[in-house]
Amino acid sequence: MIKTVLTASLGLLTFFAQAQMSPLGLWRSIDDESKQPKAEIRINQTAAGTLSGVVEKSLQNNPNTDPLCSLCTDDRKDKPKIGMEIIRGGQQGDGKPVWEGGKILDPENGKNYSLRLTPIDGGKKLEVRGYIGTPLLGRTQTWIRVQ
């Protein structure tokens, strides 16, 4: 009986550890220049098995910031940044702790970039790489897990 309980407990711990090593959850993005929290983004998995990331909350108190994505060129043009889907697509690559194949939108400049997400630090942080063409040509932000 004790052996069964211990085995089940270890199985649950392994499951939760693996769940933390995923990009799913609520993340706090950090501004590249000020190093201050910028927004909270929730990443979920769609019915098709790809990722979707939506801006839930702005953490900036800048009254000069445009609340709309006026520089966007697709279906998000002139839509509110809060509630906007900024991550579309992306799947885990062959059992590796990396999610690729999607796009990420920078609502500040309206540009879409190819996306690579890599959980780090036991899933407490997420490396978010946006790039054009090859991952070598891009920039990486580190987001912090909120939940």
N, C-alpha and C. Protein backbone atom coordinates (compact mmCIF):
# COMPACT_ATOMS: atom_id res chain seq x y z
N MET A 1 0.82 -1.18 0.00
CA MET A 1 0.00 0.00 0.00
C MET A 1 0.87 1.26 0.00
N ILE A 2 1.86 1.30 0.89
CA ILE A 2 2.75 2.46 0.97
C ILE A 2 3.53 2.60 -0.33
N LYS A 3 3.95 1.48 -0.89
CA LYS A 3 4.69 1.51 -2.15
C LYS A 3 3.82 2.10 -3.27
N THR A 4 2.55 1.75 -3.32
CA THR A 4 1.63 2.26 -4.33
C THR A 4 1.44 3.77 -4.17
N VAL A 5 1.28 4.23 -2.93
CA VAL A 5 1.11 5.65 -2.66
C VAL A 5 2.36 6.42 -3.06
N LEU A 6 3.53 5.90 -2.71
CA LEU A 6 4.79 6.56 -3.08
C LEU A 6 4.97 6.62 -4.60
N THR A 7 4.65 5.54 -5.29
CA THR A 7 4.76 5.51 -6.74
C THR A 7 3.82 6.52 -7.38
N ALA A 8 2.59 6.59 -6.88
CA ALA A 8 1.61 7.55 -7.40
C ALA A 8 2.08 8.99 -7.12
N SER A 9 2.62 9.23 -5.93
CA SER A 9 3.11 10.56 -5.58
C SER A 9 4.25 10.99 -6.49
N LEU A 10 5.17 10.10 -6.73
CA LEU A 10 6.30 10.41 -7.62
C LEU A 10 5.81 10.68 -9.04
N GLY A 11 4.82 9.92 -9.47
CA GLY A 11 4.23 10.14 -10.79
C GLY A 11 3.60 11.51 -10.90
N LEU A 12 2.89 11.93 -9.87
CA LEU A 12 2.27 13.27 -9.86
C LEU A 12 3.33 14.36 -9.86
N LEU A 13 4.38 14.19 -9.07
CA LEU A 13 5.46 15.18 -9.05
C LEU A 13 6.12 15.31 -10.42
N THR A 14 6.34 14.19 -11.08
CA THR A 14 6.91 14.21 -12.42
C THR A 14 5.99 14.93 -13.39
N PHE A 15 4.68 14.65 -13.30
CA PHE A 15 3.70 15.30 -14.16
C PHE A 15 3.73 16.82 -13.97
N PHE A 16 3.73 17.28 -12.70
CA PHE A 16 3.73 18.71 -12.42
C PHE A 16 5.04 19.36 -12.85
N ALA A 17 6.15 18.67 -12.69
CA ALA A 17 7.43 19.22 -13.13
C ALA A 17 7.44 19.40 -14.63
N GLN A 18 6.92 18.42 -15.37
CA GLN A 18 6.85 18.53 -16.82
C GLN A 18 5.88 19.62 -17.25
N ALA A 19 4.78 19.78 -16.52
CA ALA A 19 3.79 20.80 -16.85
C ALA A 19 4.41 22.19 -16.70
N GLN A 20 5.30 22.36 -15.72
CA GLN A 20 5.96 23.65 -15.52
C GLN A 20 6.96 23.93 -16.64
N MET A 21 7.46 22.91 -17.29
CA MET A 21 8.43 23.09 -18.37
C MET A 21 7.70 23.26 -19.70
N SER A 22 6.62 24.01 -19.68
CA SER A 22 5.86 24.30 -20.88
C SER A 22 5.59 25.80 -20.90
N PRO A 23 5.30 26.36 -22.06
CA PRO A 23 5.01 27.79 -22.12
C PRO A 23 3.58 28.14 -21.68
N LEU A 24 2.76 27.13 -21.39
CA LEU A 24 1.38 27.40 -21.00
C LEU A 24 1.33 28.08 -19.63
N GLY A 25 0.52 29.11 -19.52
CA GLY A 25 0.38 29.80 -18.24
C GLY A 25 0.35 31.30 -18.43
N LEU A 26 0.46 32.02 -17.31
CA LEU A 26 0.45 33.47 -17.31
C LEU A 26 1.87 33.97 -17.10
N TRP A 27 2.30 34.87 -17.98
CA TRP A 27 3.69 35.36 -18.00
C TRP A 27 3.73 36.87 -17.91
N ARG A 28 4.77 37.39 -17.28
CA ARG A 28 5.01 38.83 -17.21
C ARG A 28 6.18 39.17 -18.13
N SER A 29 5.89 40.01 -19.13
CA SER A 29 6.96 40.45 -20.03
C SER A 29 7.68 41.63 -19.39
N ILE A 30 8.94 41.79 -19.76
CA ILE A 30 9.78 42.84 -19.20
C ILE A 30 10.22 43.76 -20.34
N ASP A 31 10.11 45.07 -20.13
CA ASP A 31 10.52 46.05 -21.14
C ASP A 31 12.02 45.98 -21.36
N ASP A 32 12.44 45.94 -22.62
CA ASP A 32 13.87 45.83 -22.96
C ASP A 32 14.68 47.01 -22.43
N GLU A 33 14.14 48.20 -22.51
CA GLU A 33 14.89 49.40 -22.13
C GLU A 33 14.84 49.69 -20.64
N SER A 34 13.64 49.76 -20.07
CA SER A 34 13.50 50.15 -18.66
C SER A 34 13.72 48.97 -17.70
N LYS A 35 13.61 47.75 -18.22
CA LYS A 35 13.72 46.53 -17.40
C LYS A 35 12.57 46.41 -16.40
N GLN A 36 11.51 47.15 -16.62
CA GLN A 36 10.32 47.11 -15.76
C GLN A 36 9.28 46.19 -16.37
N PRO A 37 8.39 45.61 -15.53
CA PRO A 37 7.31 44.78 -16.07
C PRO A 37 6.47 45.59 -17.06
N LYS A 38 6.13 44.93 -18.18
CA LYS A 38 5.42 45.63 -19.25
C LYS A 38 3.97 45.16 -19.38
N ALA A 39 3.77 43.85 -19.37
CA ALA A 39 2.41 43.31 -19.58
C ALA A 39 2.35 41.88 -19.05
N GLU A 40 1.12 41.40 -18.88
CA GLU A 40 0.91 39.99 -18.55
C GLU A 40 0.23 39.33 -19.74
N ILE A 41 0.81 38.22 -20.17
CA ILE A 41 0.34 37.49 -21.34
C ILE A 41 -0.01 36.07 -20.92
N ARG A 42 -1.20 35.62 -21.28
CA ARG A 42 -1.60 34.24 -20.99
C ARG A 42 -1.44 33.41 -22.25
N ILE A 43 -0.67 32.31 -22.12
CA ILE A 43 -0.46 31.39 -23.23
C ILE A 43 -1.27 30.13 -22.97
N ASN A 44 -2.13 29.80 -23.93
CA ASN A 44 -2.96 28.60 -23.87
C ASN A 44 -2.70 27.75 -25.11
N GLN A 45 -3.23 26.54 -25.06
CA GLN A 45 -3.17 25.66 -26.22
C GLN A 45 -4.54 25.66 -26.88
N THR A 46 -4.57 25.81 -28.20
CA THR A 46 -5.83 25.83 -28.94
C THR A 46 -6.32 24.41 -29.16
N ALA A 47 -7.55 24.28 -29.65
CA ALA A 47 -8.12 22.97 -29.96
C ALA A 47 -7.29 22.26 -31.03
N ALA A 48 -6.62 23.03 -31.88
CA ALA A 48 -5.78 22.44 -32.93
C ALA A 48 -4.41 22.01 -32.40
N GLY A 49 -4.13 22.29 -31.11
CA GLY A 49 -2.87 21.87 -30.51
C GLY A 49 -1.75 22.89 -30.65
N THR A 50 -2.05 24.08 -31.17
CA THR A 50 -1.03 25.12 -31.28
C THR A 50 -1.20 26.11 -30.13
N LEU A 51 -0.29 27.07 -30.06
CA LEU A 51 -0.30 28.04 -28.97
C LEU A 51 -1.03 29.32 -29.35
N SER A 52 -1.62 29.94 -28.34
CA SER A 52 -2.25 31.25 -28.48
C SER A 52 -1.88 32.06 -27.24
N GLY A 53 -1.34 33.25 -27.45
CA GLY A 53 -0.96 34.12 -26.34
C GLY A 53 -1.71 35.43 -26.42
N VAL A 54 -2.40 35.78 -25.35
CA VAL A 54 -3.25 36.97 -25.31
C VAL A 54 -2.78 37.91 -24.21
N VAL A 55 -2.69 39.20 -24.53
CA VAL A 55 -2.34 40.22 -23.54
C VAL A 55 -3.53 40.39 -22.60
N GLU A 56 -3.33 40.06 -21.33
CA GLU A 56 -4.41 40.19 -20.35
C GLU A 56 -4.39 41.53 -19.64
N LYS A 57 -3.18 42.09 -19.47
CA LYS A 57 -3.08 43.28 -18.63
C LYS A 57 -1.82 44.06 -18.98
N SER A 58 -1.95 45.38 -19.05
CA SER A 58 -0.78 46.26 -19.19
C SER A 58 -0.28 46.60 -17.80
N LEU A 59 1.03 46.64 -17.65
CA LEU A 59 1.62 46.99 -16.35
C LEU A 59 2.34 48.32 -16.43
N GLN A 60 2.14 49.04 -17.52
CA GLN A 60 2.79 50.34 -17.71
C GLN A 60 1.80 51.46 -17.42
N ASN A 61 2.31 52.52 -16.84
CA ASN A 61 1.49 53.68 -16.53
C ASN A 61 1.89 54.87 -17.41
N ASN A 62 2.03 54.62 -18.68
CA ASN A 62 2.43 55.67 -19.61
C ASN A 62 1.20 56.18 -20.35
N PRO A 63 0.73 57.38 -20.04
CA PRO A 63 -0.49 57.89 -20.68
C PRO A 63 -0.30 58.17 -22.18
N ASN A 64 0.94 58.23 -22.65
CA ASN A 64 1.19 58.50 -24.07
C ASN A 64 1.17 57.24 -24.92
N THR A 65 1.04 56.08 -24.29
CA THR A 65 1.01 54.82 -25.03
C THR A 65 -0.34 54.66 -25.73
N ASP A 66 -0.28 54.36 -27.02
CA ASP A 66 -1.51 54.16 -27.81
C ASP A 66 -2.16 52.86 -27.34
N PRO A 67 -3.42 52.89 -26.90
CA PRO A 67 -4.08 51.66 -26.44
C PRO A 67 -4.48 50.75 -27.59
N LEU A 68 -4.40 51.26 -28.83
CA LEU A 68 -4.76 50.47 -30.01
C LEU A 68 -3.51 50.09 -30.78
N CYS A 69 -3.61 49.02 -31.54
CA CYS A 69 -2.49 48.60 -32.38
C CYS A 69 -2.64 49.28 -33.74
N SER A 70 -2.35 50.57 -33.76
CA SER A 70 -2.53 51.35 -34.99
C SER A 70 -1.49 51.01 -36.05
N LEU A 71 -0.37 50.41 -35.66
CA LEU A 71 0.67 50.05 -36.63
C LEU A 71 0.51 48.62 -37.16
N CYS A 72 -0.43 47.85 -36.62
CA CYS A 72 -0.67 46.49 -37.12
C CYS A 72 -1.19 46.56 -38.56
N THR A 73 -0.89 45.53 -39.33
CA THR A 73 -1.31 45.52 -40.74
C THR A 73 -2.27 44.39 -41.06
N ASP A 74 -2.60 43.56 -40.08
CA ASP A 74 -3.49 42.43 -40.35
C ASP A 74 -4.84 42.66 -39.66
N ASP A 75 -5.53 41.60 -39.30
CA ASP A 75 -6.85 41.71 -38.69
C ASP A 75 -6.84 42.40 -37.32
N ARG A 76 -5.66 42.65 -36.76
CA ARG A 76 -5.56 43.30 -35.46
C ARG A 76 -5.40 44.82 -35.55
N LYS A 77 -5.38 45.35 -36.78
CA LYS A 77 -5.22 46.79 -36.98
C LYS A 77 -6.30 47.55 -36.23
N ASP A 78 -5.86 48.56 -35.48
CA ASP A 78 -6.73 49.46 -34.71
C ASP A 78 -7.58 48.76 -33.65
N LYS A 79 -7.15 47.58 -33.25
CA LYS A 79 -7.82 46.85 -32.17
C LYS A 79 -7.09 47.14 -30.85
N PRO A 80 -7.79 47.03 -29.71
CA PRO A 80 -7.14 47.25 -28.41
C PRO A 80 -6.01 46.25 -28.16
N LYS A 81 -4.91 46.75 -27.60
CA LYS A 81 -3.79 45.87 -27.28
C LYS A 81 -4.15 44.92 -26.13
N ILE A 82 -4.94 45.40 -25.18
CA ILE A 82 -5.40 44.53 -24.09
C ILE A 82 -6.45 43.59 -24.68
N GLY A 83 -6.23 42.30 -24.52
CA GLY A 83 -7.13 41.30 -25.10
C GLY A 83 -6.68 40.83 -26.46
N MET A 84 -5.59 41.41 -26.97
CA MET A 84 -5.09 41.06 -28.31
C MET A 84 -4.27 39.77 -28.27
N GLU A 85 -4.50 38.93 -29.27
CA GLU A 85 -3.70 37.71 -29.44
C GLU A 85 -2.38 38.11 -30.10
N ILE A 86 -1.27 37.99 -29.36
CA ILE A 86 0.03 38.36 -29.91
C ILE A 86 0.87 37.13 -30.29
N ILE A 87 0.47 35.95 -29.79
CA ILE A 87 1.15 34.71 -30.17
C ILE A 87 0.13 33.84 -30.89
N ARG A 88 0.51 33.41 -32.09
CA ARG A 88 -0.35 32.53 -32.88
C ARG A 88 0.49 31.37 -33.41
N GLY A 89 0.03 30.17 -33.13
CA GLY A 89 0.70 28.98 -33.65
C GLY A 89 1.86 28.56 -32.77
N GLY A 90 2.60 27.63 -33.25
CA GLY A 90 3.74 27.10 -32.52
C GLY A 90 3.40 25.78 -31.85
N GLN A 91 4.31 24.85 -31.99
CA GLN A 91 4.15 23.53 -31.38
C GLN A 91 5.48 23.07 -30.82
N GLN A 92 5.40 22.11 -29.90
CA GLN A 92 6.61 21.56 -29.32
C GLN A 92 7.36 20.76 -30.36
N GLY A 93 8.67 20.95 -30.40
CA GLY A 93 9.49 20.25 -31.39
C GLY A 93 10.00 18.92 -30.91
N ASP A 94 9.50 17.83 -31.46
CA ASP A 94 9.99 16.45 -31.28
C ASP A 94 10.47 16.12 -29.87
N GLY A 95 9.62 16.35 -28.88
CA GLY A 95 9.95 15.98 -27.50
C GLY A 95 10.95 16.92 -26.84
N LYS A 96 11.38 17.96 -27.53
CA LYS A 96 12.33 18.91 -26.95
C LYS A 96 11.54 19.99 -26.20
N PRO A 97 12.16 20.60 -25.19
CA PRO A 97 11.46 21.65 -24.45
C PRO A 97 11.50 23.00 -25.19
N VAL A 98 11.21 22.97 -26.48
CA VAL A 98 11.22 24.17 -27.32
C VAL A 98 9.95 24.16 -28.17
N TRP A 99 9.27 25.30 -28.25
CA TRP A 99 8.07 25.45 -29.07
C TRP A 99 8.39 26.42 -30.19
N GLU A 100 8.14 25.97 -31.43
CA GLU A 100 8.49 26.78 -32.61
C GLU A 100 7.38 26.71 -33.64
N GLY A 101 7.54 27.49 -34.70
CA GLY A 101 6.62 27.41 -35.82
C GLY A 101 5.51 28.44 -35.78
N GLY A 102 5.46 29.22 -34.71
CA GLY A 102 4.41 30.23 -34.61
C GLY A 102 4.93 31.61 -34.93
N LYS A 103 4.08 32.58 -34.67
CA LYS A 103 4.41 33.99 -34.88
C LYS A 103 4.11 34.77 -33.61
N ILE A 104 4.88 35.83 -33.40
CA ILE A 104 4.63 36.74 -32.29
C ILE A 104 4.56 38.15 -32.85
N LEU A 105 3.57 38.89 -32.39
CA LEU A 105 3.36 40.27 -32.81
C LEU A 105 3.92 41.21 -31.76
N ASP A 106 4.64 42.22 -32.20
CA ASP A 106 5.05 43.31 -31.32
C ASP A 106 4.04 44.43 -31.54
N PRO A 107 3.08 44.61 -30.63
CA PRO A 107 2.04 45.61 -30.85
C PRO A 107 2.55 47.05 -30.83
N GLU A 108 3.79 47.25 -30.39
CA GLU A 108 4.35 48.60 -30.39
C GLU A 108 4.76 49.04 -31.79
N ASN A 109 5.20 48.08 -32.63
CA ASN A 109 5.61 48.45 -34.00
C ASN A 109 4.76 47.76 -35.08
N GLY A 110 3.84 46.88 -34.67
CA GLY A 110 2.94 46.23 -35.61
C GLY A 110 3.56 45.12 -36.43
N LYS A 111 4.77 44.71 -36.09
CA LYS A 111 5.47 43.68 -36.88
C LYS A 111 5.29 42.29 -36.28
N ASN A 112 5.21 41.30 -37.19
CA ASN A 112 5.14 39.89 -36.82
C ASN A 112 6.51 39.26 -37.00
N TYR A 113 6.87 38.42 -36.06
CA TYR A 113 8.16 37.73 -36.11
C TYR A 113 7.94 36.24 -35.93
N SER A 114 8.85 35.43 -36.47
CA SER A 114 8.84 34.00 -36.19
C SER A 114 9.16 33.84 -34.71
N LEU A 115 8.71 32.72 -34.14
CA LEU A 115 8.73 32.57 -32.69
C LEU A 115 9.42 31.29 -32.25
N ARG A 116 10.17 31.41 -31.17
CA ARG A 116 10.73 30.25 -30.47
C ARG A 116 10.55 30.50 -28.97
N LEU A 117 9.92 29.56 -28.28
CA LEU A 117 9.71 29.65 -26.84
C LEU A 117 10.46 28.52 -26.15
N THR A 118 11.25 28.86 -25.12
CA THR A 118 12.02 27.87 -24.38
C THR A 118 11.87 28.11 -22.89
N PRO A 119 11.18 27.23 -22.16
CA PRO A 119 11.12 27.36 -20.70
C PRO A 119 12.51 27.13 -20.10
N ILE A 120 12.87 27.96 -19.13
CA ILE A 120 14.16 27.83 -18.46
C ILE A 120 13.96 27.96 -16.95
N ASP A 121 15.01 27.71 -16.21
CA ASP A 121 14.99 27.87 -14.76
C ASP A 121 13.84 27.06 -14.13
N GLY A 122 13.71 25.81 -14.57
CA GLY A 122 12.67 24.93 -14.04
C GLY A 122 11.26 25.35 -14.40
N GLY A 123 11.12 26.14 -15.47
CA GLY A 123 9.81 26.59 -15.92
C GLY A 123 9.37 27.90 -15.27
N LYS A 124 10.24 28.50 -14.46
CA LYS A 124 9.91 29.77 -13.82
C LYS A 124 10.08 30.95 -14.78
N LYS A 125 10.85 30.75 -15.83
CA LYS A 125 11.09 31.79 -16.83
C LYS A 125 10.89 31.21 -18.22
N LEU A 126 10.67 32.10 -19.17
CA LEU A 126 10.44 31.69 -20.55
C LEU A 126 11.27 32.58 -21.46
N GLU A 127 12.17 31.94 -22.23
CA GLU A 127 12.90 32.69 -23.24
C GLU A 127 12.01 32.81 -24.46
N VAL A 128 11.71 34.03 -24.85
CA VAL A 128 10.84 34.33 -25.98
C VAL A 128 11.72 34.96 -27.05
N ARG A 129 11.93 34.22 -28.15
CA ARG A 129 12.79 34.72 -29.23
C ARG A 129 11.93 35.03 -30.44
N GLY A 130 12.00 36.28 -30.88
CA GLY A 130 11.35 36.70 -32.11
C GLY A 130 12.43 36.95 -33.15
N TYR A 131 12.20 36.46 -34.36
CA TYR A 131 13.25 36.60 -35.38
C TYR A 131 12.66 36.66 -36.78
N ILE A 132 13.49 37.11 -37.69
CA ILE A 132 13.13 37.15 -39.12
C ILE A 132 14.07 36.20 -39.84
N GLY A 133 13.51 35.23 -40.55
CA GLY A 133 14.34 34.29 -41.31
C GLY A 133 14.93 33.21 -40.45
N THR A 134 16.05 33.48 -39.84
CA THR A 134 16.76 32.50 -39.02
C THR A 134 16.79 32.97 -37.56
N PRO A 135 16.76 32.05 -36.61
CA PRO A 135 16.80 32.45 -35.20
C PRO A 135 18.04 33.27 -34.83
N LEU A 136 19.08 33.21 -35.67
CA LEU A 136 20.27 34.00 -35.40
C LEU A 136 20.01 35.50 -35.54
N LEU A 137 18.98 35.85 -36.35
CA LEU A 137 18.67 37.25 -36.60
C LEU A 137 17.40 37.64 -35.83
N GLY A 138 17.56 37.94 -34.57
CA GLY A 138 16.39 38.29 -33.77
C GLY A 138 16.78 38.79 -32.41
N ARG A 139 15.80 38.79 -31.53
CA ARG A 139 16.05 39.25 -30.16
C ARG A 139 15.29 38.34 -29.20
N THR A 140 15.86 38.18 -28.02
CA THR A 140 15.28 37.32 -27.00
C THR A 140 14.89 38.15 -25.79
N GLN A 141 13.69 37.90 -25.29
CA GLN A 141 13.25 38.47 -24.01
C GLN A 141 13.07 37.31 -23.04
N THR A 142 13.23 37.60 -21.77
CA THR A 142 12.95 36.60 -20.74
C THR A 142 11.72 37.05 -19.99
N TRP A 143 10.67 36.22 -20.06
CA TRP A 143 9.42 36.48 -19.35
C TRP A 143 9.43 35.68 -18.06
N ILE A 144 8.71 36.18 -17.07
CA ILE A 144 8.65 35.55 -15.75
C ILE A 144 7.26 34.98 -15.52
N ARG A 145 7.24 33.72 -15.06
CA ARG A 145 5.94 33.06 -14.81
C ARG A 145 5.22 33.72 -13.64
N VAL A 146 3.95 34.05 -13.86
CA VAL A 146 3.09 34.57 -12.82
C VAL A 146 2.31 33.40 -12.21
N GLN A 147 1.78 32.52 -13.08
CA GLN A 147 1.09 31.30 -12.63
C GLN A 147 1.12 30.26 -13.71
